[in-house]
């Protein structure tokens, strides 16, 4: 099931319109909603499982956990802030 527009904007607002991983803002990159636990791995669309991520971070993360993503070297200084 897709995340509703209302929920998307509630998550963006909760996260201060910043990427959870690199801190990018809408002026630097398009923002996406990311599942902390990917739906492919059993995650839900519950707001507690959703965070704001920039396009680059979200597309690089795929279905990895946050830990796997960060351990693979995708740290703040390595993610371009378009």
PDB file of N, CA and C in Angstrom:
ATOM      1  N   UNK A   1       0.849  -1.185   0.000  1.00  0.00           N
ATOM      2  CA  UNK A   1       0.000   0.000   0.000  1.00  0.00           C
ATOM      3  C   UNK A   1       0.891   1.244   0.000  1.00  0.00           C
ATOM      4  N   UNK A   2       0.528   2.235  -0.746  1.00  0.00           N
ATOM      5  CA  UNK A   2       1.308   3.467  -0.858  1.00  0.00           C
ATOM      6  C   UNK A   2       1.078   4.362   0.362  1.00  0.00           C
ATOM      7  N   UNK A   3       2.090   5.137   0.699  1.00  0.00           N
ATOM      8  CA  UNK A   3       1.986   6.098   1.795  1.00  0.00           C
ATOM      9  C   UNK A   3       1.158   7.277   1.302  1.00  0.00           C
ATOM     10  N   UNK A   4       0.156   7.676   2.071  1.00  0.00           N
ATOM     11  CA  UNK A   4      -0.732   8.765   1.656  1.00  0.00           C
ATOM     12  C   UNK A   4       0.016  10.095   1.622  1.00  0.00           C
ATOM     13  N   UNK A   5      -0.509  11.022   0.840  1.00  0.00           N
ATOM     14  CA  UNK A   5       0.081  12.358   0.739  1.00  0.00           C
ATOM     15  C   UNK A   5       0.109  13.028   2.110  1.00  0.00           C
ATOM     16  N   UNK A   6      -0.946  12.884   2.854  1.00  0.00           N
ATOM     17  CA  UNK A   6      -1.010  13.491   4.191  1.00  0.00           C
ATOM     18  C   UNK A   6       0.088  12.931   5.092  1.00  0.00           C
ATOM     19  N   UNK A   7       0.242  11.607   5.088  1.00  0.00           N
ATOM     20  CA  UNK A   7       1.275  10.978   5.920  1.00  0.00           C
ATOM     21  C   UNK A   7       2.661  11.422   5.483  1.00  0.00           C
ATOM     22  N   UNK A   8       2.883  11.509   4.169  1.00  0.00           N
ATOM     23  CA  UNK A   8       4.185  11.954   3.649  1.00  0.00           C
ATOM     24  C   UNK A   8       4.559  13.318   4.241  1.00  0.00           C
ATOM     25  N   UNK A   9       3.629  14.267   4.180  1.00  0.00           N
ATOM     26  CA  UNK A   9       3.927  15.604   4.668  1.00  0.00           C
ATOM     27  C   UNK A   9       4.031  15.657   6.186  1.00  0.00           C
ATOM     28  N   UNK A  10       3.317  14.790   6.895  1.00  0.00           N
ATOM     29  CA  UNK A  10       3.476  14.709   8.350  1.00  0.00           C
ATOM     30  C   UNK A  10       4.876  14.210   8.704  1.00  0.00           C
ATOM     31  N   UNK A  11       5.386  13.238   7.938  1.00  0.00           N
ATOM     32  CA  UNK A  11       6.740  12.713   8.171  1.00  0.00           C
ATOM     33  C   UNK A  11       7.776  13.787   7.842  1.00  0.00           C
ATOM     34  N   UNK A  12       7.618  14.466   6.694  1.00  0.00           N
ATOM     35  CA  UNK A  12       8.542  15.543   6.333  1.00  0.00           C
ATOM     36  C   UNK A  12       8.585  16.598   7.449  1.00  0.00           C
ATOM     37  N   UNK A  13       7.412  17.003   7.928  1.00  0.00           N
ATOM     38  CA  UNK A  13       7.337  18.028   8.978  1.00  0.00           C
ATOM     39  C   UNK A  13       7.997  17.519  10.258  1.00  0.00           C
ATOM     40  N   UNK A  14       7.686  16.288  10.663  1.00  0.00           N
ATOM     41  CA  UNK A  14       8.276  15.706  11.877  1.00  0.00           C
ATOM     42  C   UNK A  14       9.804  15.706  11.803  1.00  0.00           C
ATOM     43  N   UNK A  15      10.336  15.423  10.594  1.00  0.00           N
ATOM     44  CA  UNK A  15      11.791  15.319  10.395  1.00  0.00           C
ATOM     45  C   UNK A  15      12.426  16.648   9.961  1.00  0.00           C
ATOM     46  N   UNK A  16      11.683  17.745  10.113  1.00  0.00           N
ATOM     47  CA  UNK A  16      12.172  19.088   9.781  1.00  0.00           C
ATOM     48  C   UNK A  16      12.646  19.206   8.335  1.00  0.00           C
ATOM     49  N   UNK A  17      11.999  18.475   7.438  1.00  0.00           N
ATOM     50  CA  UNK A  17      12.301  18.546   5.999  1.00  0.00           C
ATOM     51  C   UNK A  17      13.792  18.330   5.724  1.00  0.00           C
ATOM     52  N   UNK A  18      14.402  17.372   6.443  1.00  0.00           N
ATOM     53  CA  UNK A  18      15.815  17.045   6.267  1.00  0.00           C
ATOM     54  C   UNK A  18      15.993  15.549   6.117  1.00  0.00           C
ATOM     55  N   UNK A  19      16.933  15.162   5.256  1.00  0.00           N
ATOM     56  CA  UNK A  19      17.262  13.756   5.078  1.00  0.00           C
ATOM     57  C   UNK A  19      17.833  13.208   6.384  1.00  0.00           C
ATOM     58  N   UNK A  20      17.324  12.087   6.811  1.00  0.00           N
ATOM     59  CA  UNK A  20      17.780  11.428   8.032  1.00  0.00           C
ATOM     60  C   UNK A  20      19.246  11.027   7.932  1.00  0.00           C
ATOM     61  N   UNK A  21      19.707  10.691   6.738  1.00  0.00           N
ATOM     62  CA  UNK A  21      21.055  10.166   6.549  1.00  0.00           C
ATOM     63  C   UNK A  21      22.113  11.240   6.327  1.00  0.00           C
ATOM     64  N   UNK A  22      21.824  12.245   5.523  1.00  0.00           N
ATOM     65  CA  UNK A  22      22.864  13.225   5.171  1.00  0.00           C
ATOM     66  C   UNK A  22      22.491  14.665   5.510  1.00  0.00           C
ATOM     67  N   UNK A  23      21.255  14.907   5.912  1.00  0.00           N
ATOM     68  CA  UNK A  23      20.840  16.249   6.295  1.00  0.00           C
ATOM     69  C   UNK A  23      20.399  17.143   5.146  1.00  0.00           C
ATOM     70  N   UNK A  24      20.326  16.598   3.924  1.00  0.00           N
ATOM     71  CA  UNK A  24      19.909  17.403   2.768  1.00  0.00           C
ATOM     72  C   UNK A  24      18.503  17.956   2.979  1.00  0.00           C
ATOM     73  N   UNK A  25      18.277  19.138   2.417  1.00  0.00           N
ATOM     74  CA  UNK A  25      16.984  19.804   2.491  1.00  0.00           C
ATOM     75  C   UNK A  25      16.353  19.816   1.096  1.00  0.00           C
ATOM     76  N   UNK A  26      15.089  20.224   0.980  1.00  0.00           N
ATOM     77  CA  UNK A  26      14.450  20.271  -0.340  1.00  0.00           C
ATOM     78  C   UNK A  26      15.166  21.192  -1.333  1.00  0.00           C
ATOM     79  N   UNK A  27      15.917  22.165  -0.845  1.00  0.00           N
ATOM     80  CA  UNK A  27      16.667  23.037  -1.747  1.00  0.00           C
ATOM     81  C   UNK A  27      17.869  22.320  -2.347  1.00  0.00           C
ATOM     82  N   UNK A  28      18.322  21.250  -1.711  1.00  0.00           N
ATOM     83  CA  UNK A  28      19.497  20.512  -2.161  1.00  0.00           C
ATOM     84  C   UNK A  28      19.149  19.249  -2.940  1.00  0.00           C
ATOM     85  N   UNK A  29      18.030  18.639  -2.634  1.00  0.00           N
ATOM     86  CA  UNK A  29      17.656  17.375  -3.263  1.00  0.00           C
ATOM     87  C   UNK A  29      16.176  17.111  -3.039  1.00  0.00           C
ATOM     88  N   UNK A  30      15.585  16.358  -3.949  1.00  0.00           N
ATOM     89  CA  UNK A  30      14.198  15.932  -3.757  1.00  0.00           C
ATOM     90  C   UNK A  30      14.133  15.028  -2.530  1.00  0.00           C
ATOM     91  N   UNK A  31      13.098  15.191  -1.726  1.00  0.00           N
ATOM     92  CA  UNK A  31      12.945  14.356  -0.538  1.00  0.00           C
ATOM     93  C   UNK A  31      11.971  13.225  -0.804  1.00  0.00           C
ATOM     94  N   UNK A  32      12.288  12.064  -0.251  1.00  0.00           N
ATOM     95  CA  UNK A  32      11.464  10.867  -0.358  1.00  0.00           C
ATOM     96  C   UNK A  32      11.091  10.410   1.049  1.00  0.00           C
ATOM     97  N   UNK A  33      10.127   9.513   1.100  1.00  0.00           N
ATOM     98  CA  UNK A  33       9.819   8.825   2.346  1.00  0.00           C
ATOM     99  C   UNK A  33      10.499   7.465   2.266  1.00  0.00           C
ATOM    100  N   UNK A  34      11.266   7.124   3.296  1.00  0.00           N
ATOM    101  CA  UNK A  34      11.985   5.852   3.348  1.00  0.00           C
ATOM    102  C   UNK A  34      11.414   4.998   4.465  1.00  0.00           C
ATOM    103  N   UNK A  35      11.332   3.709   4.215  1.00  0.00           N
ATOM    104  CA  UNK A  35      10.924   2.754   5.246  1.00  0.00           C
ATOM    105  C   UNK A  35      12.170   2.335   6.017  1.00  0.00           C
ATOM    106  N   UNK A  36      12.154   2.486   7.332  1.00  0.00           N
ATOM    107  CA  UNK A  36      13.279   2.052   8.161  1.00  0.00           C
ATOM    108  C   UNK A  36      13.487   0.561   7.943  1.00  0.00           C
ATOM    109  N   UNK A  37      12.435  -0.211   8.091  1.00  0.00           N
ATOM    110  CA  UNK A  37      12.439  -1.626   7.719  1.00  0.00           C
ATOM    111  C   UNK A  37      11.686  -1.685   6.398  1.00  0.00           C
ATOM    112  N   UNK A  38      12.393  -2.035   5.333  1.00  0.00           N
ATOM    113  CA  UNK A  38      11.803  -2.045   3.992  1.00  0.00           C
ATOM    114  C   UNK A  38      10.570  -2.947   3.934  1.00  0.00           C
ATOM    115  N   UNK A  39       9.612  -2.544   3.127  1.00  0.00           N
ATOM    116  CA  UNK A  39       8.422  -3.376   2.957  1.00  0.00           C
ATOM    117  C   UNK A  39       8.802  -4.751   2.426  1.00  0.00           C
ATOM    118  N   UNK A  40       9.878  -4.843   1.645  1.00  0.00           N
ATOM    119  CA  UNK A  40      10.365  -6.131   1.134  1.00  0.00           C
ATOM    120  C   UNK A  40      10.818  -7.041   2.272  1.00  0.00           C
ATOM    121  N   UNK A  41      11.143  -6.430   3.412  1.00  0.00           N
ATOM    122  CA  UNK A  41      11.591  -7.193   4.578  1.00  0.00           C
ATOM    123  C   UNK A  41      10.528  -7.246   5.670  1.00  0.00           C
ATOM    124  N   UNK A  42       9.288  -6.933   5.315  1.00  0.00           N
ATOM    125  CA  UNK A  42       8.189  -7.016   6.269  1.00  0.00           C
ATOM    126  C   UNK A  42       7.820  -5.714   6.952  1.00  0.00           C
ATOM    127  N   UNK A  43       8.441  -4.603   6.559  1.00  0.00           N
ATOM    128  CA  UNK A  43       8.125  -3.306   7.149  1.00  0.00           C
ATOM    129  C   UNK A  43       6.746  -2.819   6.738  1.00  0.00           C
ATOM    130  N   UNK A  44       6.207  -1.928   7.539  1.00  0.00           N
ATOM    131  CA  UNK A  44       4.861  -1.406   7.279  1.00  0.00           C
ATOM    132  C   UNK A  44       4.924   0.081   6.923  1.00  0.00           C
ATOM    133  N   UNK A  45       3.766   0.631   6.596  1.00  0.00           N
ATOM    134  CA  UNK A  45       3.641   2.058   6.302  1.00  0.00           C
ATOM    135  C   UNK A  45       3.294   2.860   7.553  1.00  0.00           C
ATOM    136  N   UNK A  46       3.452   2.262   8.718  1.00  0.00           N
ATOM    137  CA  UNK A  46       3.194   2.971   9.967  1.00  0.00           C
ATOM    138  C   UNK A  46       4.202   4.110  10.108  1.00  0.00           C
ATOM    139  N   UNK A  47       3.765   5.292  10.540  1.00  0.00           N
ATOM    140  CA  UNK A  47       4.682   6.431  10.667  1.00  0.00           C
ATOM    141  C   UNK A  47       5.940   6.133  11.486  1.00  0.00           C
ATOM    142  N   UNK A  48       5.863   5.222  12.435  1.00  0.00           N
ATOM    143  CA  UNK A  48       7.055   4.892  13.228  1.00  0.00           C
ATOM    144  C   UNK A  48       8.107   4.154  12.400  1.00  0.00           C
ATOM    145  N   UNK A  49       7.734   3.669  11.219  1.00  0.00           N
ATOM    146  CA  UNK A  49       8.659   2.967  10.322  1.00  0.00           C
ATOM    147  C   UNK A  49       9.054   3.842   9.131  1.00  0.00           C
ATOM    148  N   UNK A  50       8.693   5.107   9.150  1.00  0.00           N
ATOM    149  CA  UNK A  50       8.960   6.000   8.027  1.00  0.00           C
ATOM    150  C   UNK A  50       9.866   7.143   8.450  1.00  0.00           C
ATOM    151  N   UNK A  51      10.810   7.505   7.574  1.00  0.00           N
ATOM    152  CA  UNK A  51      11.681   8.649   7.803  1.00  0.00           C
ATOM    153  C   UNK A  51      11.852   9.403   6.490  1.00  0.00           C
ATOM    154  N   UNK A  52      12.344  10.631   6.596  1.00  0.00           N
ATOM    155  CA  UNK A  52      12.646  11.443   5.425  1.00  0.00           C
ATOM    156  C   UNK A  52      14.048  11.099   4.938  1.00  0.00           C
ATOM    157  N   UNK A  53      14.173  10.873   3.629  1.00  0.00           N
ATOM    158  CA  UNK A  53      15.474  10.619   3.011  1.00  0.00           C
ATOM    159  C   UNK A  53      15.542  11.381   1.695  1.00  0.00           C
ATOM    160  N   UNK A  54      16.716  11.891   1.365  1.00  0.00           N
ATOM    161  CA  UNK A  54      16.862  12.534   0.060  1.00  0.00           C
ATOM    162  C   UNK A  54      16.857  11.456  -1.027  1.00  0.00           C
ATOM    163  N   UNK A  55      16.653  11.879  -2.242  1.00  0.00           N
ATOM    164  CA  UNK A  55      16.574  10.947  -3.366  1.00  0.00           C
ATOM    165  C   UNK A  55      17.822  10.063  -3.443  1.00  0.00           C
ATOM    166  N   UNK A  56      19.014  10.669  -3.362  1.00  0.00           N
ATOM    167  CA  UNK A  56      20.251   9.902  -3.478  1.00  0.00           C
ATOM    168  C   UNK A  56      20.373   8.836  -2.387  1.00  0.00           C
ATOM    169  N   UNK A  57      20.147   9.218  -1.150  1.00  0.00           N
ATOM    170  CA  UNK A  57      20.256   8.253  -0.048  1.00  0.00           C
ATOM    171  C   UNK A  57      19.212   7.155  -0.174  1.00  0.00           C
ATOM    172  N   UNK A  58      17.979   7.525  -0.475  1.00  0.00           N
ATOM    173  CA  UNK A  58      16.915   6.537  -0.572  1.00  0.00           C
ATOM    174  C   UNK A  58      17.183   5.536  -1.690  1.00  0.00           C
ATOM    175  N   UNK A  59      17.635   6.007  -2.838  1.00  0.00           N
ATOM    176  CA  UNK A  59      17.885   5.099  -3.957  1.00  0.00           C
ATOM    177  C   UNK A  59      19.112   4.221  -3.718  1.00  0.00           C
ATOM    178  N   UNK A  60      20.074   4.711  -2.957  1.00  0.00           N
ATOM    179  CA  UNK A  60      21.252   3.900  -2.634  1.00  0.00           C
ATOM    180  C   UNK A  60      20.962   2.873  -1.557  1.00  0.00           C
ATOM    181  N   UNK A  61      20.057   3.189  -0.657  1.00  0.00           N
ATOM    182  CA  UNK A  61      19.762   2.308   0.470  1.00  0.00           C
ATOM    183  C   UNK A  61      19.037   1.041   0.024  1.00  0.00           C
ATOM    184  N   UNK A  62      18.157   1.135  -0.929  1.00  0.00           N
ATOM    185  CA  UNK A  62      17.350  -0.012  -1.395  1.00  0.00           C
ATOM    186  C   UNK A  62      16.637  -0.649  -0.208  1.00  0.00           C
ATOM    187  N   UNK A  63      16.750  -1.965  -0.052  1.00  0.00           N
ATOM    188  CA  UNK A  63      16.057  -2.672   1.020  1.00  0.00           C
ATOM    189  C   UNK A  63      16.982  -2.960   2.200  1.00  0.00           C
ATOM    190  N   UNK A  64      18.120  -2.272   2.256  1.00  0.00           N
ATOM    191  CA  UNK A  64      19.048  -2.469   3.372  1.00  0.00           C
ATOM    192  C   UNK A  64      18.476  -1.838   4.637  1.00  0.00           C
ATOM    193  N   UNK A  65      18.947  -2.338   5.771  1.00  0.00           N
ATOM    194  CA  UNK A  65      18.605  -1.672   7.024  1.00  0.00           C
ATOM    195  C   UNK A  65      19.464  -0.416   7.129  1.00  0.00           C
ATOM    196  N   UNK A  66      19.088   0.477   8.028  1.00  0.00           N
ATOM    197  CA  UNK A  66      19.877   1.687   8.238  1.00  0.00           C
ATOM    198  C   UNK A  66      21.310   1.307   8.616  1.00  0.00           C
ATOM    199  N   UNK A  67      21.455   0.312   9.480  1.00  0.00           N
ATOM    200  CA  UNK A  67      22.780  -0.138   9.911  1.00  0.00           C
ATOM    201  C   UNK A  67      23.605  -0.633   8.724  1.00  0.00           C
ATOM    202  N   UNK A  68      23.012  -1.482   7.883  1.00  0.00           N
ATOM    203  CA  UNK A  68      23.731  -1.998   6.710  1.00  0.00           C
ATOM    204  C   UNK A  68      24.150  -0.860   5.781  1.00  0.00           C
ATOM    205  N   UNK A  69      23.270   0.086   5.582  1.00  0.00           N
ATOM    206  CA  UNK A  69      23.541   1.225   4.707  1.00  0.00           C
ATOM    207  C   UNK A  69      24.726   2.035   5.229  1.00  0.00           C
ATOM    208  N   UNK A  70      24.729   2.325   6.524  1.00  0.00           N
ATOM    209  CA  UNK A  70      25.793   3.141   7.100  1.00  0.00           C
ATOM    210  C   UNK A  70      27.107   2.367   7.217  1.00  0.00           C
ATOM    211  N   UNK A  71      27.040   1.084   7.516  1.00  0.00           N
ATOM    212  CA  UNK A  71      28.249   0.265   7.626  1.00  0.00           C
ATOM    213  C   UNK A  71      28.954   0.150   6.278  1.00  0.00           C
ATOM    214  N   UNK A  72      28.212   0.192   5.201  1.00  0.00           N
ATOM    215  CA  UNK A  72      28.803   0.089   3.873  1.00  0.00           C
ATOM    216  C   UNK A  72      29.468   1.396   3.452  1.00  0.00           C
ATOM    217  N   UNK A  73      29.568   2.342   4.346  1.00  0.00           N
ATOM    218  CA  UNK A  73      30.322   3.551   4.070  1.00  0.00           C
ATOM    219  C   UNK A  73      29.517   4.729   3.569  1.00  0.00           C
ATOM    220  N   UNK A  74      28.209   4.665   3.596  1.00  0.00           N
ATOM    221  CA  UNK A  74      27.386   5.786   3.141  1.00  0.00           C
ATOM    222  C   UNK A  74      27.197   6.747   4.302  1.00  0.00           C
ATOM    223  N   UNK A  75      28.234   7.471   4.573  1.00  0.00           N
ATOM    224  CA  UNK A  75      28.216   8.433   5.666  1.00  0.00           C
ATOM    225  C   UNK A  75      27.947   9.829   5.119  1.00  0.00           C
ATOM    226  N   UNK A  76      27.658  10.730   6.006  1.00  0.00           N
ATOM    227  CA  UNK A  76      27.272  12.091   5.636  1.00  0.00           C
ATOM    228  C   UNK A  76      28.213  12.690   4.610  1.00  0.00           C
ATOM    229  N   UNK A  77      29.517  12.612   4.824  1.00  0.00           N
ATOM    230  CA  UNK A  77      30.457  13.281   3.930  1.00  0.00           C
ATOM    231  C   UNK A  77      30.569  12.617   2.558  1.00  0.00           C
ATOM    232  N   UNK A  78      30.060  11.399   2.397  1.00  0.00           N
ATOM    233  CA  UNK A  78      30.166  10.694   1.127  1.00  0.00           C
ATOM    234  C   UNK A  78      28.924  10.812   0.265  1.00  0.00           C
ATOM    235  N   UNK A  79      27.833  11.314   0.807  1.00  0.00           N
ATOM    236  CA  UNK A  79      26.589  11.420   0.052  1.00  0.00           C
ATOM    237  C   UNK A  79      26.518  12.824  -0.529  1.00  0.00           C
ATOM    238  N   UNK A  80      26.475  12.956  -1.860  1.00  0.00           N
ATOM    239  CA  UNK A  80      26.422  14.291  -2.453  1.00  0.00           C
ATOM    240  C   UNK A  80      25.136  15.024  -2.092  1.00  0.00           C
ATOM    241  N   UNK A  81      25.256  16.303  -1.874  1.00  0.00           N
ATOM    242  CA  UNK A  81      24.091  17.123  -1.516  1.00  0.00           C
ATOM    243  C   UNK A  81      23.589  17.898  -2.719  1.00  0.00           C
ATOM    244  N   UNK A  82      23.481  17.279  -3.833  1.00  0.00           N
ATOM    245  CA  UNK A  82      23.044  17.827  -5.114  1.00  0.00           C
ATOM    246  C   UNK A  82      22.800  19.305  -5.084  1.00  0.00           C
TER     247      UNK A  82
END
